[in-house]
Every structure is written in structure tokens, then in C-alpha cells.
């Protein structure tokens, strides 16, 4: 995702050439532009074992010109709330099933998913992985839809009126869209202060997303929670988003 003119937010730093406005991986993209990366800033507290703080910023070599096909996305502000069931979308060119590549011409894919509250997600991942307050989960408990290998660093977004807001960046999961294992994303709202501290000009736009109704996740209980999972906090939920020469490796990292 593009957060500001020169910055991209993502969880991946696997490539140093960024493509904007791309739709297909294996055919001509007439609206595509590319930029080299001049700097990568990884979060200082990134933990490769737990995937906590799985986010970095990419600074592009020059500013990006906006078009009808290349636009920045708003980032979720720290005061946002994403209740259990909040409608979201994730996009990417990753596998369409475990070990099954997206067929040619590899057109960008999109899937609609509900947010899974952090308490519920912690219960589901008990014994498999640690869900921290820096993460947000999304997926169908029945499985069948979700992010997959190759989607890492891609954006998880929700819509407020006519405004698209990035809440997460694809981080990790168990296989692909496996039942009872929703995808886990870096939670953008947790990094508002850090992102702003790294970008001196052309700051990305942070927007508060407010869920309606009641948060059913607050009533979820399980052994993993009662056993003292102090890393799980009740807070707002939130991989790119402003157009400058720095790309947010939280969502624009593909």
C-alpha cells in the first residue's frame, strides 16, 4: 500500500523495485509505474520468531505522481475500533490454495473477510502462535477464504463511507485459509507514532475507523486467556499509504 508520496508500508522487504498501478503479473500493465527503493526502515522491535512488529517502511527514490490508477490509502489511526465481524478486504497475487500458484496472467485477487477479535484469535492460536496487541486477525472460521503464501506484505483494508482505510498488513497464518485459523496481520493503528517519527515530510493521512454496535469479542473466554495471556490487550484495531518517496512496508510491500 502506498502511504504517502515516497513511502510504502509493508511487512516484507524481499524486493528493491516497487511497482505501482499493476494489475497482472504476466501481461502488459499500461497504467503501471515503477520505482527503486532508496531506504528500508525495519521496526526496531521486530521479532522474527513471533512475527511481532512485522512492519517496515520503504523510501522510494523519488516522489510518485498520482493517477486514476495510483493513489494513496489512508492509514488507521490509533483511536480506531475494529469489532469482531467488521467487513474487510485483502488483496494480493499469492497462491490460491496451499502450494497452488495463481494461474496466468496472474491478475490481482481480492477477497472479503470479517475481522476476528484478538481474544478469539488468541484462543484459536493457543499452542501454535502468539497473538499480540500489535496484530489483528481476519478470516472465516469455516475456512476457504483468506490470504496465502505470496500475499505477505499486502494490505488489509476497510471502508468508511467513501474512504478506504488500511487496518493491517499480511503477516502470517497456518497454511491457507484453514478452518479456525484466521490470517494474522500487523495492526497499522499501533504504529501511528512510529510511522510519523520516520517520515519528516509528506506525512501519510491517519483516519479513525469506528465500528458500530457492540464488540462481541469482549465476552470470549478460553484457557489461553485465563492462563495469563498478558500480551493480549483490549485496544483499537487498525501492508501502504501516503505518496512521497517513502513506501510503507506495512501494506505496500508486495
C-alpha atoms as a PDB file:
ATOM      1  CA  UNK A   1       0.000   0.000   0.000  1.00  0.00           C
ATOM      2  CA  UNK A   2       1.169   3.484  -0.714  1.00  0.00           C
ATOM      3  CA  UNK A   3       1.013   5.657   2.385  1.00  0.00           C
ATOM      4  CA  UNK A   4       2.468   8.909   1.143  1.00  0.00           C
ATOM      5  CA  UNK A   5       4.243  10.172  -1.921  1.00  0.00           C
ATOM      6  CA  UNK A   6       7.537   8.473  -1.190  1.00  0.00           C
ATOM      7  CA  UNK A   7       6.638   5.881   1.438  1.00  0.00           C
ATOM      8  CA  UNK A   8       5.176   2.372   1.332  1.00  0.00           C
ATOM      9  CA  UNK A   9       4.026   0.327   4.307  1.00  0.00           C
ATOM     10  CA  UNK A  10       4.618  -3.411   4.348  1.00  0.00           C
ATOM     11  CA  UNK A  11       5.779  -6.455   6.282  1.00  0.00           C
ATOM     12  CA  UNK A  12       8.118  -7.669   3.552  1.00  0.00           C
ATOM     13  CA  UNK A  13      11.440  -6.412   2.254  1.00  0.00           C
ATOM     14  CA  UNK A  14      12.050  -9.086  -0.348  1.00  0.00           C
ATOM     15  CA  UNK A  15      12.386  -6.724  -3.319  1.00  0.00           C
ATOM     16  CA  UNK A  16      14.011  -3.391  -4.064  1.00  0.00           C
ATOM     17  CA  UNK A  17      11.867  -2.432  -7.060  1.00  0.00           C
ATOM     18  CA  UNK A  18       8.296  -1.311  -6.347  1.00  0.00           C
ATOM     19  CA  UNK A  19       5.516  -1.444  -8.958  1.00  0.00           C
ATOM     20  CA  UNK A  20       2.517   0.859  -8.616  1.00  0.00           C
ATOM     21  CA  UNK A  21      -0.706   0.513 -10.599  1.00  0.00           C
ATOM     22  CA  UNK A  22      -0.005  -3.110 -11.522  1.00  0.00           C
ATOM     23  CA  UNK A  23      -2.943  -5.455 -12.144  1.00  0.00           C
ATOM     24  CA  UNK A  24      -1.396  -8.523 -13.818  1.00  0.00           C
ATOM     25  CA  UNK A  25       1.942 -10.189 -13.154  1.00  0.00           C
ATOM     26  CA  UNK A  26       2.195 -11.959 -16.512  1.00  0.00           C
ATOM     27  CA  UNK A  27       0.839  -9.451 -19.020  1.00  0.00           C
ATOM     28  CA  UNK A  28       1.140  -5.794 -20.036  1.00  0.00           C
ATOM     29  CA  UNK A  29       0.090  -3.203 -17.452  1.00  0.00           C
ATOM     30  CA  UNK A  30      -0.418   0.107 -19.322  1.00  0.00           C
ATOM     31  CA  UNK A  31      -1.086   2.070 -16.109  1.00  0.00           C
ATOM     32  CA  UNK A  32       1.917   0.765 -14.206  1.00  0.00           C
ATOM     33  CA  UNK A  33       4.878   2.780 -12.941  1.00  0.00           C
ATOM     34  CA  UNK A  34       7.935   1.515 -11.080  1.00  0.00           C
ATOM     35  CA  UNK A  35      10.286   2.999  -8.525  1.00  0.00           C
ATOM     36  CA  UNK A  36      13.536   1.877  -6.986  1.00  0.00           C
ATOM     37  CA  UNK A  37      13.893   1.869  -3.210  1.00  0.00           C
ATOM     38  CA  UNK A  38      16.476   4.148  -1.606  1.00  0.00           C
ATOM     39  CA  UNK A  39      15.984   3.144   2.028  1.00  0.00           C
ATOM     40  CA  UNK A  40      14.399   0.395   4.122  1.00  0.00           C
ATOM     41  CA  UNK A  41      13.498   1.076   7.750  1.00  0.00           C
ATOM     42  CA  UNK A  42      12.576  -2.029   9.724  1.00  0.00           C
ATOM     43  CA  UNK A  43      10.759  -1.671  13.019  1.00  0.00           C
ATOM     44  CA  UNK A  44      13.442  -1.807  15.741  1.00  0.00           C
ATOM     45  CA  UNK A  45      11.451  -4.317  17.820  1.00  0.00           C
ATOM     46  CA  UNK A  46      10.662  -6.784  15.038  1.00  0.00           C
ATOM     47  CA  UNK A  47      10.758 -10.376  16.312  1.00  0.00           C
ATOM     48  CA  UNK A  48      11.309 -12.954  13.563  1.00  0.00           C
ATOM     49  CA  UNK A  49      10.320 -15.816  15.874  1.00  0.00           C
ATOM     50  CA  UNK A  50       6.906 -14.446  16.883  1.00  0.00           C
ATOM     51  CA  UNK A  51       6.325 -12.043  13.944  1.00  0.00           C
ATOM     52  CA  UNK A  52       5.620  -9.260  16.415  1.00  0.00           C
ATOM     53  CA  UNK A  53       6.138  -5.744  14.990  1.00  0.00           C
ATOM     54  CA  UNK A  54       6.201  -7.219  11.486  1.00  0.00           C
ATOM     55  CA  UNK A  55       6.356  -3.921   9.627  1.00  0.00           C
ATOM     56  CA  UNK A  56       8.821  -1.732   7.798  1.00  0.00           C
ATOM     57  CA  UNK A  57       8.913   1.423   5.686  1.00  0.00           C
ATOM     58  CA  UNK A  58      10.275   1.668   2.154  1.00  0.00           C
ATOM     59  CA  UNK A  59      11.508   5.008   0.935  1.00  0.00           C
ATOM     60  CA  UNK A  60      11.228   5.410  -2.824  1.00  0.00           C
ATOM     61  CA  UNK A  61      13.956   7.051  -4.849  1.00  0.00           C
ATOM     62  CA  UNK A  62      11.605   9.865  -5.953  1.00  0.00           C
ATOM     63  CA  UNK A  63       8.085  11.160  -5.433  1.00  0.00           C
ATOM     64  CA  UNK A  64       5.122   9.416  -7.042  1.00  0.00           C
ATOM     65  CA  UNK A  65       2.679  11.140  -9.377  1.00  0.00           C
ATOM     66  CA  UNK A  66      -0.933  10.242  -8.585  1.00  0.00           C
ATOM     67  CA  UNK A  67      -3.192   8.995 -11.353  1.00  0.00           C
ATOM     68  CA  UNK A  68      -6.579   7.276 -11.571  1.00  0.00           C
ATOM     69  CA  UNK A  69      -4.689   4.008 -11.034  1.00  0.00           C
ATOM     70  CA  UNK A  70      -2.054   5.040  -8.489  1.00  0.00           C
ATOM     71  CA  UNK A  71      -3.490   6.544  -5.325  1.00  0.00           C
ATOM     72  CA  UNK A  72      -2.507   6.571  -1.635  1.00  0.00           C
ATOM     73  CA  UNK A  73      -4.559   4.799   1.009  1.00  0.00           C
ATOM     74  CA  UNK A  74      -5.448   6.272   4.384  1.00  0.00           C
ATOM     75  CA  UNK A  75      -3.964   4.595   7.452  1.00  0.00           C
ATOM     76  CA  UNK A  76      -5.906   3.597  10.520  1.00  0.00           C
ATOM     77  CA  UNK A  77      -5.403   5.971  13.440  1.00  0.00           C
ATOM     78  CA  UNK A  78      -4.589   4.727  16.923  1.00  0.00           C
ATOM     79  CA  UNK A  79      -8.056   5.620  18.217  1.00  0.00           C
ATOM     80  CA  UNK A  80      -9.799   3.269  15.753  1.00  0.00           C
ATOM     81  CA  UNK A  81     -12.015   0.346  16.746  1.00  0.00           C
ATOM     82  CA  UNK A  82     -12.419  -2.829  14.687  1.00  0.00           C
ATOM     83  CA  UNK A  83     -15.014  -5.029  16.310  1.00  0.00           C
ATOM     84  CA  UNK A  84     -15.397  -8.736  15.675  1.00  0.00           C
ATOM     85  CA  UNK A  85     -17.083  -9.231  12.280  1.00  0.00           C
ATOM     86  CA  UNK A  86     -16.051  -5.891  10.762  1.00  0.00           C
ATOM     87  CA  UNK A  87     -16.019  -6.269   6.967  1.00  0.00           C
ATOM     88  CA  UNK A  88     -12.553  -6.053   5.447  1.00  0.00           C
ATOM     89  CA  UNK A  89     -10.778  -6.898   2.190  1.00  0.00           C
ATOM     90  CA  UNK A  90      -7.325  -8.273   1.459  1.00  0.00           C
ATOM     91  CA  UNK A  91      -5.629  -8.235  -1.950  1.00  0.00           C
ATOM     92  CA  UNK A  92      -2.601  -9.942  -3.439  1.00  0.00           C
ATOM     93  CA  UNK A  93      -1.035 -12.190  -6.082  1.00  0.00           C
ATOM     94  CA  UNK A  94      -0.317 -15.083  -3.743  1.00  0.00           C
ATOM     95  CA  UNK A  95      -1.271 -18.751  -4.038  1.00  0.00           C
ATOM     96  CA  UNK A  96      -4.954 -19.602  -4.491  1.00  0.00           C
ATOM     97  CA  UNK A  97      -4.531 -22.662  -2.268  1.00  0.00           C
ATOM     98  CA  UNK A  98      -1.695 -24.189  -0.319  1.00  0.00           C
ATOM     99  CA  UNK A  99       1.034 -24.913  -2.891  1.00  0.00           C
ATOM    100  CA  UNK A 100      -1.171 -23.809  -5.809  1.00  0.00           C
ATOM    101  CA  UNK A 101       0.066 -20.735  -7.693  1.00  0.00           C
ATOM    102  CA  UNK A 102      -2.243 -18.090  -9.124  1.00  0.00           C
ATOM    103  CA  UNK A 103      -2.715 -19.044 -12.808  1.00  0.00           C
ATOM    104  CA  UNK A 104      -1.556 -16.826 -15.667  1.00  0.00           C
ATOM    105  CA  UNK A 105      -1.948 -13.933 -16.318  1.00  0.00           C
ATOM    106  CA  UNK A 106      -1.904 -13.726 -12.510  1.00  0.00           C
ATOM    107  CA  UNK A 107      -4.490 -10.989 -12.092  1.00  0.00           C
ATOM    108  CA  UNK A 108      -4.624  -9.231  -8.725  1.00  0.00           C
ATOM    109  CA  UNK A 109      -7.057 -11.033  -6.409  1.00  0.00           C
ATOM    110  CA  UNK A 110      -9.384  -9.640  -3.734  1.00  0.00           C
ATOM    111  CA  UNK A 111     -11.346 -11.406  -1.004  1.00  0.00           C
ATOM    112  CA  UNK A 112     -13.816 -10.100   1.571  1.00  0.00           C
ATOM    113  CA  UNK A 113     -13.169 -11.227   5.155  1.00  0.00           C
ATOM    114  CA  UNK A 114     -14.542 -10.442   8.622  1.00  0.00           C
ATOM    115  CA  UNK A 115     -12.294  -9.242  11.436  1.00  0.00           C
ATOM    116  CA  UNK A 116     -11.767 -11.857  14.149  1.00  0.00           C
ATOM    117  CA  UNK A 117     -11.290 -10.226  17.558  1.00  0.00           C
ATOM    118  CA  UNK A 118      -7.926 -10.599  19.267  1.00  0.00           C
ATOM    119  CA  UNK A 119      -9.363 -12.539  22.195  1.00  0.00           C
ATOM    120  CA  UNK A 120     -10.936 -15.090  19.852  1.00  0.00           C
ATOM    121  CA  UNK A 121      -7.810 -15.204  17.717  1.00  0.00           C
ATOM    122  CA  UNK A 122      -5.646 -15.830  20.784  1.00  0.00           C
ATOM    123  CA  UNK A 123      -7.850 -18.785  21.734  1.00  0.00           C
ATOM    124  CA  UNK A 124      -7.668 -20.226  18.214  1.00  0.00           C
ATOM    125  CA  UNK A 125      -3.873 -19.904  18.008  1.00  0.00           C
ATOM    126  CA  UNK A 126      -3.221 -21.281  21.517  1.00  0.00           C
ATOM    127  CA  UNK A 127      -0.264 -23.656  21.336  1.00  0.00           C
ATOM    128  CA  UNK A 128       0.502 -22.600  17.755  1.00  0.00           C
ATOM    129  CA  UNK A 129       1.462 -18.937  17.881  1.00  0.00           C
ATOM    130  CA  UNK A 130       1.270 -15.818  20.000  1.00  0.00           C
ATOM    131  CA  UNK A 131      -1.263 -13.102  19.111  1.00  0.00           C
ATOM    132  CA  UNK A 132      -0.117  -9.757  20.493  1.00  0.00           C
ATOM    133  CA  UNK A 133      -1.690  -6.321  20.627  1.00  0.00           C
ATOM    134  CA  UNK A 134       0.367  -5.397  17.568  1.00  0.00           C
ATOM    135  CA  UNK A 135      -1.620  -7.850  15.451  1.00  0.00           C
ATOM    136  CA  UNK A 136      -5.129  -8.011  14.002  1.00  0.00           C
ATOM    137  CA  UNK A 137      -6.824 -11.148  12.650  1.00  0.00           C
ATOM    138  CA  UNK A 138      -9.257 -11.630   9.771  1.00  0.00           C
ATOM    139  CA  UNK A 139     -10.824 -14.684   8.151  1.00  0.00           C
ATOM    140  CA  UNK A 140     -13.727 -17.107   8.076  1.00  0.00           C
ATOM    141  CA  UNK A 141     -13.773 -19.610  10.924  1.00  0.00           C
ATOM    142  CA  UNK A 142     -15.095 -22.129   8.390  1.00  0.00           C
ATOM    143  CA  UNK A 143     -12.004 -21.503   6.263  1.00  0.00           C
ATOM    144  CA  UNK A 144     -11.875 -21.408   2.479  1.00  0.00           C
ATOM    145  CA  UNK A 145     -11.084 -17.720   2.036  1.00  0.00           C
ATOM    146  CA  UNK A 146      -8.057 -15.714   3.134  1.00  0.00           C
ATOM    147  CA  UNK A 147      -4.518 -14.660   2.393  1.00  0.00           C
ATOM    148  CA  UNK A 148      -1.966 -17.281   1.329  1.00  0.00           C
ATOM    149  CA  UNK A 149       1.729 -17.734   0.587  1.00  0.00           C
ATOM    150  CA  UNK A 150       2.888 -14.879  -1.635  1.00  0.00           C
ATOM    151  CA  UNK A 151       0.448 -12.346  -0.172  1.00  0.00           C
ATOM    152  CA  UNK A 152       2.752 -11.293   2.668  1.00  0.00           C
ATOM    153  CA  UNK A 153       3.101  -7.535   2.975  1.00  0.00           C
ATOM    154  CA  UNK A 154      -0.204  -6.907   1.217  1.00  0.00           C
ATOM    155  CA  UNK A 155      -2.937  -4.633   2.582  1.00  0.00           C
ATOM    156  CA  UNK A 156      -5.983  -5.384   4.702  1.00  0.00           C
ATOM    157  CA  UNK A 157      -8.481  -2.543   4.288  1.00  0.00           C
ATOM    158  CA  UNK A 158     -11.955  -1.494   5.397  1.00  0.00           C
ATOM    159  CA  UNK A 159     -14.250   1.195   4.041  1.00  0.00           C
ATOM    160  CA  UNK A 160     -15.758   4.103   5.945  1.00  0.00           C
ATOM    161  CA  UNK A 161     -18.193   5.938   3.681  1.00  0.00           C
ATOM    162  CA  UNK A 162     -16.189   6.527   0.516  1.00  0.00           C
ATOM    163  CA  UNK A 163     -12.793   6.314   2.244  1.00  0.00           C
ATOM    164  CA  UNK A 164     -10.604   3.210   2.153  1.00  0.00           C
ATOM    165  CA  UNK A 165      -8.564   2.747   5.315  1.00  0.00           C
ATOM    166  CA  UNK A 166      -5.750   0.264   5.785  1.00  0.00           C
ATOM    167  CA  UNK A 167      -6.025  -1.639   9.031  1.00  0.00           C
ATOM    168  CA  UNK A 168      -3.437  -4.350   8.553  1.00  0.00           C
ATOM    169  CA  UNK A 169      -0.570  -5.854   6.613  1.00  0.00           C
ATOM    170  CA  UNK A 170      -0.433  -9.581   5.774  1.00  0.00           C
ATOM    171  CA  UNK A 171       1.960 -11.225   8.224  1.00  0.00           C
ATOM    172  CA  UNK A 172       1.408 -14.945   8.926  1.00  0.00           C
ATOM    173  CA  UNK A 173      -1.085 -17.798   9.287  1.00  0.00           C
ATOM    174  CA  UNK A 174      -1.463 -21.574   9.322  1.00  0.00           C
ATOM    175  CA  UNK A 175      -1.457 -22.966   5.776  1.00  0.00           C
ATOM    176  CA  UNK A 176      -4.004 -21.083   3.603  1.00  0.00           C
ATOM    177  CA  UNK A 177      -7.485 -20.183   4.866  1.00  0.00           C
ATOM    178  CA  UNK A 178      -7.509 -23.224   7.148  1.00  0.00           C
ATOM    179  CA  UNK A 179     -10.635 -23.570   9.341  1.00  0.00           C
ATOM    180  CA  UNK A 180     -10.280 -21.933  12.769  1.00  0.00           C
ATOM    181  CA  UNK A 181      -7.020 -20.239  11.816  1.00  0.00           C
ATOM    182  CA  UNK A 182      -7.743 -16.735  10.523  1.00  0.00           C
ATOM    183  CA  UNK A 183      -4.929 -14.813   8.888  1.00  0.00           C
ATOM    184  CA  UNK A 184      -2.799 -12.629  11.132  1.00  0.00           C
ATOM    185  CA  UNK A 185      -1.847  -9.089  10.108  1.00  0.00           C
ATOM    186  CA  UNK A 186       0.345  -6.346  11.518  1.00  0.00           C
ATOM    187  CA  UNK A 187      -2.031  -3.803  13.103  1.00  0.00           C
ATOM    188  CA  UNK A 188      -1.434  -0.424  11.483  1.00  0.00           C
ATOM    189  CA  UNK A 189      -3.051   1.627  14.246  1.00  0.00           C
ATOM    190  CA  UNK A 190      -0.351   0.510  16.672  1.00  0.00           C
ATOM    191  CA  UNK A 191       2.340   2.178  14.581  1.00  0.00           C
ATOM    192  CA  UNK A 192       0.973   5.681  14.027  1.00  0.00           C
ATOM    193  CA  UNK A 193       3.580   7.337  16.265  1.00  0.00           C
ATOM    194  CA  UNK A 194       6.455   5.272  14.840  1.00  0.00           C
ATOM    195  CA  UNK A 195       5.459   5.929  11.223  1.00  0.00           C
ATOM    196  CA  UNK A 196       5.141   9.665  11.810  1.00  0.00           C
ATOM    197  CA  UNK A 197       8.525   9.734  13.547  1.00  0.00           C
ATOM    198  CA  UNK A 198      10.182   8.193  10.488  1.00  0.00           C
ATOM    199  CA  UNK A 199       8.636  10.490   7.852  1.00  0.00           C
ATOM    200  CA  UNK A 200       9.656  14.149   8.037  1.00  0.00           C
ATOM    201  CA  UNK A 201       7.661  15.431   5.039  1.00  0.00           C
ATOM    202  CA  UNK A 202       4.540  14.339   3.122  1.00  0.00           C
ATOM    203  CA  UNK A 203       3.073  12.675   6.184  1.00  0.00           C
ATOM    204  CA  UNK A 204       0.537   9.902   5.482  1.00  0.00           C
ATOM    205  CA  UNK A 205      -3.094  10.507   6.393  1.00  0.00           C
ATOM    206  CA  UNK A 206      -4.340   8.739   9.516  1.00  0.00           C
ATOM    207  CA  UNK A 207      -8.114   8.306   9.789  1.00  0.00           C
ATOM    208  CA  UNK A 208     -10.135   6.971  12.709  1.00  0.00           C
ATOM    209  CA  UNK A 209     -12.254   3.938  11.842  1.00  0.00           C
ATOM    210  CA  UNK A 210     -15.158   3.358  14.233  1.00  0.00           C
ATOM    211  CA  UNK A 211     -17.057   0.070  14.351  1.00  0.00           C
ATOM    212  CA  UNK A 212     -20.761   0.205  15.124  1.00  0.00           C
ATOM    213  CA  UNK A 213     -22.671  -1.906  17.638  1.00  0.00           C
ATOM    214  CA  UNK A 214     -21.097  -3.959  20.413  1.00  0.00           C
ATOM    215  CA  UNK A 215     -17.802  -5.804  20.407  1.00  0.00           C
ATOM    216  CA  UNK A 216     -18.709  -9.463  20.949  1.00  0.00           C
ATOM    217  CA  UNK A 217     -15.025 -10.334  21.306  1.00  0.00           C
ATOM    218  CA  UNK A 218     -15.014  -8.891  24.827  1.00  0.00           C
ATOM    219  CA  UNK A 219     -17.090 -11.850  26.052  1.00  0.00           C
ATOM    220  CA  UNK A 220     -14.775 -14.532  24.608  1.00  0.00           C
ATOM    221  CA  UNK A 221     -13.058 -16.732  27.196  1.00  0.00           C
ATOM    222  CA  UNK A 222     -10.695 -19.692  26.966  1.00  0.00           C
ATOM    223  CA  UNK A 223      -7.790 -21.275  28.806  1.00  0.00           C
ATOM    224  CA  UNK A 224      -5.246 -19.243  26.852  1.00  0.00           C
ATOM    225  CA  UNK A 225      -6.813 -16.041  28.168  1.00  0.00           C
ATOM    226  CA  UNK A 226      -7.459 -17.146  31.745  1.00  0.00           C
ATOM    227  CA  UNK A 227      -3.969 -18.599  31.900  1.00  0.00           C
ATOM    228  CA  UNK A 228      -2.453 -15.144  31.939  1.00  0.00           C
ATOM    229  CA  UNK A 229      -2.026 -14.098  28.325  1.00  0.00           C
ATOM    230  CA  UNK A 230      -0.963 -10.630  29.411  1.00  0.00           C
ATOM    231  CA  UNK A 231       0.349  -9.819  25.971  1.00  0.00           C
ATOM    232  CA  UNK A 232      -3.229  -9.541  24.704  1.00  0.00           C
ATOM    233  CA  UNK A 233      -4.599  -6.051  25.216  1.00  0.00           C
ATOM    234  CA  UNK A 234      -8.038  -4.663  24.515  1.00  0.00           C
ATOM    235  CA  UNK A 235      -7.427  -1.840  22.123  1.00  0.00           C
ATOM    236  CA  UNK A 236      -8.389  -0.494  18.766  1.00  0.00           C
ATOM    237  CA  UNK A 237      -7.626  -2.377  15.601  1.00  0.00           C
ATOM    238  CA  UNK A 238      -6.434  -0.784  12.744  1.00  0.00           C
ATOM    239  CA  UNK A 239       0.530  -3.732   4.062  1.00  0.00           C
ATOM    240  CA  UNK A 240       0.686   1.365   2.280  1.00  0.00           C
ATOM    241  CA  UNK A 241      -0.355   4.712   2.366  1.00  0.00           C
ATOM    242  CA  UNK A 242       0.922   8.071   1.555  1.00  0.00           C
ATOM    243  CA  UNK A 243       2.551   9.157  -1.621  1.00  0.00           C
ATOM    244  CA  UNK A 244       6.016  10.588  -1.192  1.00  0.00           C
ATOM    245  CA  UNK A 245       9.320   8.824  -1.753  1.00  0.00           C
ATOM    246  CA  UNK A 246       8.889   6.522   1.161  1.00  0.00           C
ATOM    247  CA  UNK A 247       6.799   3.398   0.914  1.00  0.00           C
ATOM    248  CA  UNK A 248       5.190   1.883   3.954  1.00  0.00           C
ATOM    249  CA  UNK A 249       6.329  -1.686   4.090  1.00  0.00           C
ATOM    250  CA  UNK A 250       3.249  -2.456   6.088  1.00  0.00           C
ATOM    251  CA  UNK A 251       0.853  -2.636   3.274  1.00  0.00           C
ATOM    252  CA  UNK A 252       2.537  -1.593   0.072  1.00  0.00           C
ATOM    253  CA  UNK A 253       5.096  -4.328   0.357  1.00  0.00           C
ATOM    254  CA  UNK A 254       4.250  -6.887  -2.290  1.00  0.00           C
END
